[in-house]
N, C-alpha and C. Protein backbone atom coordinates (compact mmCIF):
# COMPACT_ATOMS: atom_id res chain seq x y z
N MET A 1 42.72 6.77 -4.29
CA MET A 1 42.66 5.72 -5.29
C MET A 1 41.59 4.68 -4.94
N ALA A 2 41.58 4.28 -3.67
CA ALA A 2 40.59 3.28 -3.24
C ALA A 2 39.18 3.84 -3.36
N SER A 3 39.03 5.13 -3.09
CA SER A 3 37.69 5.72 -3.19
C SER A 3 37.22 5.77 -4.64
N ASN A 4 38.15 5.95 -5.60
CA ASN A 4 37.78 5.93 -7.01
C ASN A 4 37.32 4.55 -7.44
N ILE A 5 38.01 3.53 -6.96
CA ILE A 5 37.64 2.15 -7.30
C ILE A 5 36.28 1.83 -6.69
N LEU A 6 36.08 2.24 -5.44
CA LEU A 6 34.79 2.01 -4.79
C LEU A 6 33.67 2.74 -5.54
N TYR A 7 33.94 3.98 -5.95
CA TYR A 7 32.96 4.75 -6.71
C TYR A 7 32.62 4.05 -8.02
N LEU A 8 33.62 3.58 -8.75
CA LEU A 8 33.39 2.87 -10.01
C LEU A 8 32.61 1.58 -9.78
N PHE A 9 32.94 0.87 -8.69
CA PHE A 9 32.24 -0.36 -8.37
C PHE A 9 30.76 -0.08 -8.10
N LEU A 10 30.49 0.96 -7.29
CA LEU A 10 29.11 1.31 -6.98
C LEU A 10 28.35 1.77 -8.22
N LEU A 11 29.04 2.52 -9.07
CA LEU A 11 28.42 2.96 -10.32
C LEU A 11 28.08 1.77 -11.21
N LEU A 12 29.01 0.83 -11.32
CA LEU A 12 28.77 -0.38 -12.11
C LEU A 12 27.63 -1.20 -11.52
N LEU A 13 27.62 -1.33 -10.21
CA LEU A 13 26.56 -2.08 -9.54
C LEU A 13 25.19 -1.43 -9.79
N ALA A 14 25.13 -0.11 -9.68
CA ALA A 14 23.86 0.60 -9.93
C ALA A 14 23.41 0.39 -11.37
N HIS A 15 24.35 0.43 -12.30
CA HIS A 15 24.02 0.23 -13.72
C HIS A 15 23.48 -1.18 -13.95
N LEU A 16 24.12 -2.17 -13.35
CA LEU A 16 23.67 -3.55 -13.53
C LEU A 16 22.29 -3.77 -12.91
N GLN A 17 22.04 -3.15 -11.76
CA GLN A 17 20.73 -3.29 -11.14
C GLN A 17 19.65 -2.61 -11.98
N ALA A 18 19.96 -1.44 -12.53
CA ALA A 18 19.00 -0.75 -13.39
C ALA A 18 18.71 -1.58 -14.63
N GLU A 19 19.74 -2.20 -15.19
CA GLU A 19 19.55 -3.04 -16.37
C GLU A 19 18.68 -4.25 -16.04
N ALA A 20 18.90 -4.84 -14.87
CA ALA A 20 18.08 -5.98 -14.46
C ALA A 20 16.63 -5.55 -14.27
N PHE A 21 16.43 -4.33 -13.74
CA PHE A 21 15.08 -3.83 -13.53
C PHE A 21 14.36 -3.66 -14.87
N VAL A 22 15.05 -3.09 -15.84
CA VAL A 22 14.44 -2.90 -17.16
C VAL A 22 14.09 -4.24 -17.77
N LYS A 23 14.99 -5.23 -17.63
CA LYS A 23 14.70 -6.56 -18.17
C LYS A 23 13.50 -7.17 -17.46
N GLY A 24 13.40 -6.94 -16.15
CA GLY A 24 12.25 -7.44 -15.41
C GLY A 24 10.96 -6.81 -15.91
N ASP A 25 11.02 -5.53 -16.19
CA ASP A 25 9.87 -4.82 -16.72
C ASP A 25 9.43 -5.43 -18.05
N ALA A 26 10.39 -5.63 -18.93
CA ALA A 26 10.08 -6.22 -20.24
C ALA A 26 9.51 -7.62 -20.07
N THR A 27 10.02 -8.34 -19.09
CA THR A 27 9.54 -9.70 -18.84
C THR A 27 8.08 -9.68 -18.39
N LEU A 28 7.74 -8.78 -17.49
CA LEU A 28 6.36 -8.69 -17.02
C LEU A 28 5.43 -8.28 -18.16
N ILE A 29 5.87 -7.34 -18.97
CA ILE A 29 5.04 -6.90 -20.10
C ILE A 29 4.86 -8.05 -21.09
N LYS A 30 5.95 -8.76 -21.39
CA LYS A 30 5.84 -9.90 -22.31
C LYS A 30 4.88 -10.95 -21.76
N LYS A 31 5.03 -11.25 -20.46
CA LYS A 31 4.16 -12.24 -19.83
C LYS A 31 2.70 -11.78 -19.86
N THR A 32 2.49 -10.51 -19.58
CA THR A 32 1.14 -9.95 -19.57
C THR A 32 0.52 -9.99 -20.96
N CYS A 33 1.33 -9.67 -21.96
CA CYS A 33 0.81 -9.58 -23.34
C CYS A 33 0.73 -10.93 -24.04
N LYS A 34 1.40 -11.94 -23.47
CA LYS A 34 1.46 -13.24 -24.14
C LYS A 34 0.08 -13.82 -24.42
N SER A 35 -0.84 -13.63 -23.50
CA SER A 35 -2.18 -14.19 -23.69
C SER A 35 -3.10 -13.22 -24.44
N SER A 36 -2.55 -12.08 -24.83
CA SER A 36 -3.36 -11.08 -25.53
C SER A 36 -3.66 -11.50 -26.95
N LYS A 37 -4.81 -11.09 -27.42
CA LYS A 37 -5.22 -11.36 -28.79
C LYS A 37 -4.31 -10.62 -29.78
N TYR A 38 -3.77 -9.48 -29.35
CA TYR A 38 -2.91 -8.65 -30.20
C TYR A 38 -1.60 -8.37 -29.46
N TYR A 39 -0.72 -9.36 -29.44
CA TYR A 39 0.52 -9.27 -28.68
C TYR A 39 1.33 -8.03 -29.04
N ASP A 40 1.57 -7.79 -30.32
CA ASP A 40 2.42 -6.67 -30.73
C ASP A 40 1.84 -5.33 -30.29
N LEU A 41 0.54 -5.17 -30.43
CA LEU A 41 -0.12 -3.94 -29.98
C LEU A 41 0.02 -3.79 -28.47
N CYS A 42 -0.21 -4.86 -27.75
CA CYS A 42 -0.09 -4.85 -26.30
C CYS A 42 1.32 -4.46 -25.88
N PHE A 43 2.31 -5.16 -26.42
CA PHE A 43 3.70 -4.94 -26.03
C PHE A 43 4.16 -3.52 -26.37
N SER A 44 3.91 -3.09 -27.59
CA SER A 44 4.38 -1.75 -28.00
C SER A 44 3.66 -0.65 -27.23
N SER A 45 2.38 -0.84 -26.96
CA SER A 45 1.63 0.17 -26.22
C SER A 45 2.13 0.30 -24.79
N LEU A 46 2.32 -0.84 -24.13
CA LEU A 46 2.77 -0.80 -22.74
C LEU A 46 4.21 -0.31 -22.64
N LYS A 47 5.07 -0.73 -23.56
CA LYS A 47 6.47 -0.28 -23.53
C LYS A 47 6.59 1.21 -23.81
N SER A 48 5.64 1.77 -24.54
CA SER A 48 5.71 3.20 -24.88
C SER A 48 5.35 4.09 -23.69
N ASP A 49 4.75 3.52 -22.67
CA ASP A 49 4.36 4.30 -21.50
C ASP A 49 5.42 4.15 -20.41
N PRO A 50 6.10 5.23 -20.02
CA PRO A 50 7.16 5.14 -19.03
C PRO A 50 6.70 4.60 -17.67
N SER A 51 5.45 4.77 -17.33
CA SER A 51 4.97 4.29 -16.03
C SER A 51 4.87 2.77 -15.98
N SER A 52 4.98 2.10 -17.14
CA SER A 52 4.93 0.64 -17.13
C SER A 52 6.16 0.04 -16.45
N ALA A 53 7.23 0.82 -16.33
CA ALA A 53 8.46 0.32 -15.69
C ALA A 53 8.21 -0.06 -14.24
N ASN A 54 7.29 0.60 -13.58
CA ASN A 54 7.02 0.33 -12.16
C ASN A 54 5.66 -0.31 -11.93
N ALA A 55 4.99 -0.71 -12.98
CA ALA A 55 3.62 -1.20 -12.85
C ALA A 55 3.56 -2.70 -12.59
N ASP A 56 2.58 -3.08 -11.79
CA ASP A 56 2.25 -4.49 -11.61
C ASP A 56 1.20 -4.83 -12.68
N PRO A 57 0.73 -6.08 -12.74
CA PRO A 57 -0.26 -6.42 -13.78
C PRO A 57 -1.51 -5.53 -13.76
N LYS A 58 -2.00 -5.19 -12.58
CA LYS A 58 -3.16 -4.30 -12.51
C LYS A 58 -2.80 -2.93 -13.07
N GLY A 59 -1.61 -2.45 -12.77
CA GLY A 59 -1.15 -1.17 -13.30
C GLY A 59 -1.04 -1.20 -14.81
N LEU A 60 -0.61 -2.34 -15.36
CA LEU A 60 -0.53 -2.47 -16.82
C LEU A 60 -1.93 -2.41 -17.44
N ALA A 61 -2.91 -2.99 -16.75
CA ALA A 61 -4.29 -2.91 -17.23
C ALA A 61 -4.77 -1.46 -17.24
N VAL A 62 -4.43 -0.73 -16.18
CA VAL A 62 -4.83 0.68 -16.09
C VAL A 62 -4.17 1.49 -17.22
N ILE A 63 -2.91 1.20 -17.50
CA ILE A 63 -2.21 1.89 -18.59
C ILE A 63 -2.91 1.61 -19.92
N MET A 64 -3.25 0.36 -20.16
CA MET A 64 -3.90 0.00 -21.42
C MET A 64 -5.27 0.67 -21.53
N VAL A 65 -6.00 0.72 -20.45
CA VAL A 65 -7.29 1.41 -20.44
C VAL A 65 -7.08 2.90 -20.74
N GLY A 66 -6.03 3.47 -20.17
CA GLY A 66 -5.72 4.88 -20.43
C GLY A 66 -5.43 5.15 -21.89
N ILE A 67 -4.74 4.23 -22.53
CA ILE A 67 -4.46 4.36 -23.96
C ILE A 67 -5.77 4.30 -24.75
N GLY A 68 -6.68 3.43 -24.31
CA GLY A 68 -8.00 3.35 -24.95
C GLY A 68 -8.79 4.64 -24.77
N ILE A 69 -8.70 5.23 -23.58
CA ILE A 69 -9.40 6.50 -23.32
C ILE A 69 -8.88 7.57 -24.27
N THR A 70 -7.56 7.63 -24.42
CA THR A 70 -6.97 8.61 -25.33
C THR A 70 -7.46 8.41 -26.75
N ASN A 71 -7.52 7.15 -27.19
CA ASN A 71 -7.98 6.84 -28.54
C ASN A 71 -9.44 7.26 -28.73
N ALA A 72 -10.29 6.88 -27.79
CA ALA A 72 -11.73 7.20 -27.91
C ALA A 72 -11.96 8.70 -27.87
N THR A 73 -11.26 9.39 -26.99
CA THR A 73 -11.41 10.84 -26.86
C THR A 73 -10.94 11.55 -28.12
N SER A 74 -9.80 11.12 -28.65
CA SER A 74 -9.29 11.79 -29.86
C SER A 74 -10.19 11.50 -31.06
N THR A 75 -10.77 10.31 -31.11
CA THR A 75 -11.70 10.00 -32.21
C THR A 75 -12.96 10.85 -32.10
N SER A 76 -13.47 11.00 -30.90
CA SER A 76 -14.64 11.85 -30.69
C SER A 76 -14.34 13.29 -31.12
N SER A 77 -13.18 13.78 -30.72
CA SER A 77 -12.78 15.14 -31.10
C SER A 77 -12.61 15.27 -32.61
N TYR A 78 -12.00 14.27 -33.21
CA TYR A 78 -11.80 14.26 -34.66
C TYR A 78 -13.13 14.32 -35.40
N LEU A 79 -14.07 13.51 -34.94
CA LEU A 79 -15.39 13.50 -35.57
C LEU A 79 -16.11 14.83 -35.37
N SER A 80 -16.00 15.37 -34.17
CA SER A 80 -16.68 16.63 -33.86
C SER A 80 -16.12 17.81 -34.63
N SER A 81 -14.81 17.87 -34.74
CA SER A 81 -14.22 19.05 -35.36
C SER A 81 -13.93 18.87 -36.84
N HIS A 82 -13.09 17.92 -37.17
CA HIS A 82 -12.62 17.79 -38.55
C HIS A 82 -13.72 17.33 -39.51
N LEU A 83 -14.26 16.15 -39.28
CA LEU A 83 -15.25 15.62 -40.22
C LEU A 83 -16.55 16.40 -40.20
N LEU A 84 -17.01 16.72 -39.01
CA LEU A 84 -18.28 17.44 -38.89
C LEU A 84 -18.17 18.82 -39.54
N GLY A 85 -17.00 19.44 -39.42
CA GLY A 85 -16.78 20.76 -40.01
C GLY A 85 -16.72 20.75 -41.53
N THR A 86 -16.38 19.61 -42.11
CA THR A 86 -16.27 19.54 -43.58
C THR A 86 -17.51 18.96 -44.25
N ALA A 87 -18.44 18.44 -43.46
CA ALA A 87 -19.64 17.82 -44.03
C ALA A 87 -20.65 18.88 -44.45
N ASN A 88 -21.22 18.69 -45.64
CA ASN A 88 -22.25 19.61 -46.14
C ASN A 88 -23.65 19.04 -45.98
N ASP A 89 -23.76 17.74 -46.01
CA ASP A 89 -25.04 17.03 -45.93
C ASP A 89 -25.53 17.02 -44.47
N SER A 90 -26.76 17.45 -44.24
CA SER A 90 -27.29 17.50 -42.87
C SER A 90 -27.44 16.11 -42.26
N THR A 91 -27.76 15.12 -43.07
CA THR A 91 -27.87 13.74 -42.56
C THR A 91 -26.49 13.23 -42.16
N LEU A 92 -25.49 13.52 -42.96
CA LEU A 92 -24.12 13.12 -42.63
C LEU A 92 -23.67 13.82 -41.35
N LYS A 93 -23.98 15.09 -41.22
CA LYS A 93 -23.62 15.82 -40.00
C LYS A 93 -24.27 15.19 -38.77
N ARG A 94 -25.53 14.83 -38.91
CA ARG A 94 -26.24 14.20 -37.80
C ARG A 94 -25.58 12.87 -37.43
N GLY A 95 -25.21 12.08 -38.44
CA GLY A 95 -24.54 10.81 -38.20
C GLY A 95 -23.18 10.99 -37.55
N LEU A 96 -22.42 11.95 -38.02
CA LEU A 96 -21.09 12.21 -37.45
C LEU A 96 -21.19 12.70 -36.01
N LYS A 97 -22.19 13.54 -35.76
CA LYS A 97 -22.41 14.05 -34.40
C LYS A 97 -22.76 12.90 -33.46
N GLU A 98 -23.61 12.00 -33.93
CA GLU A 98 -23.99 10.83 -33.12
C GLU A 98 -22.78 9.93 -32.88
N CYS A 99 -21.96 9.75 -33.90
CA CYS A 99 -20.75 8.93 -33.74
C CYS A 99 -19.78 9.57 -32.75
N ALA A 100 -19.63 10.88 -32.83
CA ALA A 100 -18.75 11.58 -31.88
C ALA A 100 -19.24 11.33 -30.46
N TYR A 101 -20.54 11.36 -30.28
CA TYR A 101 -21.13 11.09 -28.96
C TYR A 101 -20.85 9.65 -28.52
N LYS A 102 -20.95 8.70 -29.44
CA LYS A 102 -20.70 7.29 -29.11
C LYS A 102 -19.26 7.08 -28.67
N TYR A 103 -18.32 7.74 -29.35
CA TYR A 103 -16.92 7.62 -28.94
C TYR A 103 -16.68 8.30 -27.60
N ALA A 104 -17.39 9.38 -27.31
CA ALA A 104 -17.30 10.00 -25.99
C ALA A 104 -17.84 9.04 -24.93
N CYS A 105 -18.90 8.32 -25.26
CA CYS A 105 -19.44 7.30 -24.34
C CYS A 105 -18.44 6.18 -24.12
N ALA A 106 -17.72 5.80 -25.17
CA ALA A 106 -16.68 4.77 -25.04
C ALA A 106 -15.60 5.25 -24.08
N SER A 107 -15.22 6.51 -24.20
CA SER A 107 -14.22 7.08 -23.29
C SER A 107 -14.74 7.05 -21.85
N ASP A 108 -16.00 7.42 -21.65
CA ASP A 108 -16.60 7.39 -20.31
C ASP A 108 -16.61 5.97 -19.75
N ALA A 109 -16.95 5.00 -20.59
CA ALA A 109 -16.99 3.61 -20.13
C ALA A 109 -15.59 3.15 -19.71
N LEU A 110 -14.58 3.56 -20.47
CA LEU A 110 -13.20 3.19 -20.11
C LEU A 110 -12.76 3.89 -18.83
N GLN A 111 -13.20 5.13 -18.64
CA GLN A 111 -12.88 5.82 -17.38
C GLN A 111 -13.52 5.08 -16.21
N SER A 112 -14.72 4.60 -16.40
CA SER A 112 -15.38 3.80 -15.35
C SER A 112 -14.60 2.52 -15.08
N SER A 113 -14.07 1.91 -16.14
CA SER A 113 -13.30 0.67 -15.94
C SER A 113 -12.02 0.96 -15.17
N ALA A 114 -11.41 2.12 -15.37
CA ALA A 114 -10.21 2.48 -14.61
C ALA A 114 -10.56 2.60 -13.12
N GLN A 115 -11.70 3.19 -12.82
CA GLN A 115 -12.15 3.28 -11.43
C GLN A 115 -12.44 1.88 -10.87
N ASP A 116 -13.02 1.03 -11.68
CA ASP A 116 -13.29 -0.35 -11.26
C ASP A 116 -11.99 -1.09 -10.96
N LEU A 117 -10.98 -0.87 -11.79
CA LEU A 117 -9.69 -1.51 -11.56
C LEU A 117 -9.08 -1.03 -10.25
N ALA A 118 -9.20 0.26 -9.97
CA ALA A 118 -8.65 0.82 -8.74
C ALA A 118 -9.28 0.16 -7.51
N SER A 119 -10.56 -0.15 -7.60
CA SER A 119 -11.25 -0.79 -6.47
C SER A 119 -11.27 -2.32 -6.59
N GLU A 120 -10.54 -2.84 -7.57
CA GLU A 120 -10.41 -4.28 -7.82
C GLU A 120 -11.76 -4.95 -8.11
N ALA A 121 -12.65 -4.20 -8.71
CA ALA A 121 -13.94 -4.74 -9.16
C ALA A 121 -13.76 -5.18 -10.62
N TYR A 122 -13.04 -6.28 -10.80
CA TYR A 122 -12.62 -6.70 -12.14
C TYR A 122 -13.79 -7.09 -13.04
N ASP A 123 -14.86 -7.61 -12.46
CA ASP A 123 -16.02 -7.96 -13.28
C ASP A 123 -16.65 -6.71 -13.89
N TYR A 124 -16.73 -5.64 -13.10
CA TYR A 124 -17.28 -4.39 -13.62
C TYR A 124 -16.31 -3.74 -14.62
N ALA A 125 -15.02 -3.86 -14.35
CA ALA A 125 -14.03 -3.33 -15.30
C ALA A 125 -14.19 -4.01 -16.65
N SER A 126 -14.36 -5.33 -16.63
CA SER A 126 -14.56 -6.08 -17.87
C SER A 126 -15.83 -5.63 -18.59
N MET A 127 -16.88 -5.45 -17.81
CA MET A 127 -18.16 -5.02 -18.39
C MET A 127 -18.02 -3.65 -19.07
N HIS A 128 -17.34 -2.72 -18.42
CA HIS A 128 -17.18 -1.38 -19.00
C HIS A 128 -16.26 -1.40 -20.22
N ILE A 129 -15.23 -2.22 -20.20
CA ILE A 129 -14.35 -2.33 -21.38
C ILE A 129 -15.11 -2.93 -22.55
N THR A 130 -15.91 -3.94 -22.27
CA THR A 130 -16.73 -4.57 -23.32
C THR A 130 -17.70 -3.55 -23.92
N ALA A 131 -18.32 -2.75 -23.06
CA ALA A 131 -19.23 -1.70 -23.55
C ALA A 131 -18.47 -0.71 -24.43
N ALA A 132 -17.29 -0.30 -23.99
CA ALA A 132 -16.49 0.66 -24.76
C ALA A 132 -16.14 0.11 -26.13
N SER A 133 -15.85 -1.18 -26.19
CA SER A 133 -15.47 -1.77 -27.48
C SER A 133 -16.66 -1.89 -28.43
N ASP A 134 -17.87 -1.82 -27.89
CA ASP A 134 -19.05 -1.94 -28.74
C ASP A 134 -19.52 -0.60 -29.31
N TYR A 135 -19.15 0.50 -28.70
CA TYR A 135 -19.59 1.81 -29.20
C TYR A 135 -19.17 2.07 -30.65
N PRO A 136 -17.96 1.67 -31.08
CA PRO A 136 -17.63 1.86 -32.50
C PRO A 136 -18.58 1.09 -33.43
N ASN A 137 -19.05 -0.09 -33.00
CA ASN A 137 -20.03 -0.84 -33.80
C ASN A 137 -21.32 -0.06 -33.93
N VAL A 138 -21.74 0.56 -32.84
CA VAL A 138 -22.97 1.35 -32.86
C VAL A 138 -22.82 2.49 -33.86
N CYS A 139 -21.67 3.12 -33.85
CA CYS A 139 -21.41 4.20 -34.81
C CYS A 139 -21.48 3.68 -36.24
N HIS A 140 -20.80 2.58 -36.49
CA HIS A 140 -20.78 2.00 -37.83
C HIS A 140 -22.19 1.62 -38.28
N ASN A 141 -22.93 0.97 -37.41
CA ASN A 141 -24.30 0.53 -37.74
C ASN A 141 -25.25 1.71 -37.93
N LEU A 142 -24.97 2.81 -37.28
CA LEU A 142 -25.79 4.00 -37.43
C LEU A 142 -25.85 4.44 -38.89
N PHE A 143 -24.73 4.33 -39.58
CA PHE A 143 -24.70 4.74 -40.99
C PHE A 143 -25.51 3.81 -41.88
N LYS A 144 -25.66 2.57 -41.45
CA LYS A 144 -26.48 1.63 -42.23
C LYS A 144 -27.95 2.00 -42.17
N GLY A 145 -28.33 2.73 -41.14
CA GLY A 145 -29.73 3.13 -40.98
C GLY A 145 -30.16 4.30 -41.86
N TYR A 146 -29.19 4.94 -42.49
CA TYR A 146 -29.50 6.07 -43.38
C TYR A 146 -29.24 5.64 -44.82
N PRO A 147 -30.30 5.44 -45.61
CA PRO A 147 -30.11 5.03 -47.01
C PRO A 147 -29.24 6.04 -47.77
N GLY A 148 -28.27 5.51 -48.48
CA GLY A 148 -27.39 6.35 -49.30
C GLY A 148 -26.25 6.99 -48.54
N LEU A 149 -26.24 6.85 -47.23
CA LEU A 149 -25.17 7.45 -46.43
C LEU A 149 -24.01 6.46 -46.31
N VAL A 150 -22.83 6.90 -46.67
CA VAL A 150 -21.65 6.03 -46.68
C VAL A 150 -20.83 6.28 -45.42
N TYR A 151 -20.44 5.19 -44.79
CA TYR A 151 -19.58 5.26 -43.61
C TYR A 151 -18.24 5.86 -44.02
N PRO A 152 -17.83 6.98 -43.40
CA PRO A 152 -16.58 7.63 -43.81
C PRO A 152 -15.37 6.70 -43.61
N PRO A 153 -14.60 6.49 -44.67
CA PRO A 153 -13.47 5.56 -44.57
C PRO A 153 -12.41 6.00 -43.56
N GLU A 154 -12.37 7.28 -43.22
CA GLU A 154 -11.40 7.76 -42.23
C GLU A 154 -11.67 7.22 -40.84
N ILE A 155 -12.89 6.82 -40.60
CA ILE A 155 -13.26 6.34 -39.26
C ILE A 155 -12.85 4.88 -39.06
N ALA A 156 -12.83 4.10 -40.13
CA ALA A 156 -12.59 2.65 -40.02
C ALA A 156 -11.31 2.30 -39.25
N PRO A 157 -10.15 2.93 -39.53
CA PRO A 157 -8.95 2.56 -38.77
C PRO A 157 -9.07 2.94 -37.29
N ARG A 158 -9.76 4.02 -37.01
CA ARG A 158 -9.95 4.42 -35.61
C ARG A 158 -10.89 3.44 -34.90
N GLU A 159 -11.91 3.01 -35.61
CA GLU A 159 -12.85 2.02 -35.07
C GLU A 159 -12.10 0.74 -34.72
N ASP A 160 -11.32 0.26 -35.67
CA ASP A 160 -10.55 -0.96 -35.47
C ASP A 160 -9.54 -0.80 -34.34
N GLY A 161 -8.90 0.37 -34.28
CA GLY A 161 -7.92 0.62 -33.23
C GLY A 161 -8.51 0.55 -31.84
N LEU A 162 -9.65 1.19 -31.65
CA LEU A 162 -10.28 1.17 -30.33
C LEU A 162 -10.72 -0.24 -29.96
N LYS A 163 -11.28 -0.96 -30.91
CA LYS A 163 -11.70 -2.34 -30.62
C LYS A 163 -10.50 -3.19 -30.19
N ARG A 164 -9.38 -3.04 -30.89
CA ARG A 164 -8.18 -3.82 -30.55
C ARG A 164 -7.63 -3.43 -29.18
N LEU A 165 -7.59 -2.14 -28.90
CA LEU A 165 -7.11 -1.69 -27.59
C LEU A 165 -8.00 -2.24 -26.48
N CYS A 166 -9.30 -2.24 -26.71
CA CYS A 166 -10.23 -2.80 -25.72
C CYS A 166 -10.03 -4.30 -25.56
N ASP A 167 -9.79 -5.00 -26.67
CA ASP A 167 -9.53 -6.45 -26.59
C ASP A 167 -8.29 -6.73 -25.75
N VAL A 168 -7.25 -5.93 -25.94
CA VAL A 168 -6.02 -6.11 -25.16
C VAL A 168 -6.29 -5.83 -23.68
N ALA A 169 -6.94 -4.71 -23.39
CA ALA A 169 -7.24 -4.36 -22.00
C ALA A 169 -8.11 -5.43 -21.35
N LEU A 170 -9.08 -5.92 -22.08
CA LEU A 170 -9.96 -6.97 -21.56
C LEU A 170 -9.18 -8.24 -21.25
N GLY A 171 -8.26 -8.60 -22.12
CA GLY A 171 -7.43 -9.78 -21.87
C GLY A 171 -6.60 -9.65 -20.60
N ILE A 172 -6.05 -8.47 -20.38
CA ILE A 172 -5.24 -8.24 -19.17
C ILE A 172 -6.13 -8.33 -17.94
N VAL A 173 -7.30 -7.71 -18.00
CA VAL A 173 -8.22 -7.74 -16.85
C VAL A 173 -8.69 -9.17 -16.58
N GLU A 174 -8.96 -9.93 -17.62
CA GLU A 174 -9.38 -11.32 -17.42
C GLU A 174 -8.29 -12.12 -16.72
N ASN A 175 -7.03 -11.84 -17.02
CA ASN A 175 -5.95 -12.52 -16.32
C ASN A 175 -5.91 -12.12 -14.85
N LEU A 176 -6.25 -10.88 -14.55
CA LEU A 176 -6.30 -10.45 -13.15
C LEU A 176 -7.42 -11.18 -12.42
N THR A 177 -8.52 -11.38 -13.10
CA THR A 177 -9.67 -12.06 -12.51
C THR A 177 -9.31 -13.48 -12.09
N TRP A 178 -8.56 -14.17 -12.93
CA TRP A 178 -8.20 -15.55 -12.63
C TRP A 178 -7.20 -15.65 -11.50
N LYS A 179 -6.45 -14.59 -11.24
CA LYS A 179 -5.44 -14.63 -10.17
C LYS A 179 -6.06 -14.43 -8.80
N TRP A 180 -7.27 -13.89 -8.77
CA TRP A 180 -7.88 -13.61 -7.46
C TRP A 180 -8.78 -14.71 -7.13
């Protein structure tokens, strides 16, 4: 009987500690995202990643950069396969191919920022994130250089998404910079 009570007590204690840990995780994410330009995007993105439960602020920055890498890579793939495959106009194909390359460059820049974060080179991480956020602009402006060529409306939400993810990641990295 006593062992059952002890077992229940230990089980309850473990549950309460796990609950406190989860609340602590949410608290760190809220605190990290509070200064973000896009709080809801920051909070939902970080909460959706299970590794955020054990992450410190630098780890949260790495997670956010990883989400940006996924976005840029999937946009590059989307442009390369879906849109490029359906385009009949050679000028449009050239523009889409160039845009796919720009999004691949954005992914590379974000991968560099993840390496910079690992070595705590926060100034370089910021620089690479800023570069990544500018590649969608380059893609958009590319279409302005071709008379009569219309920027595909399917790209606009992806462009905006990557810029916002980069803004969030940059905000987190800037907070790391001030702490050191």
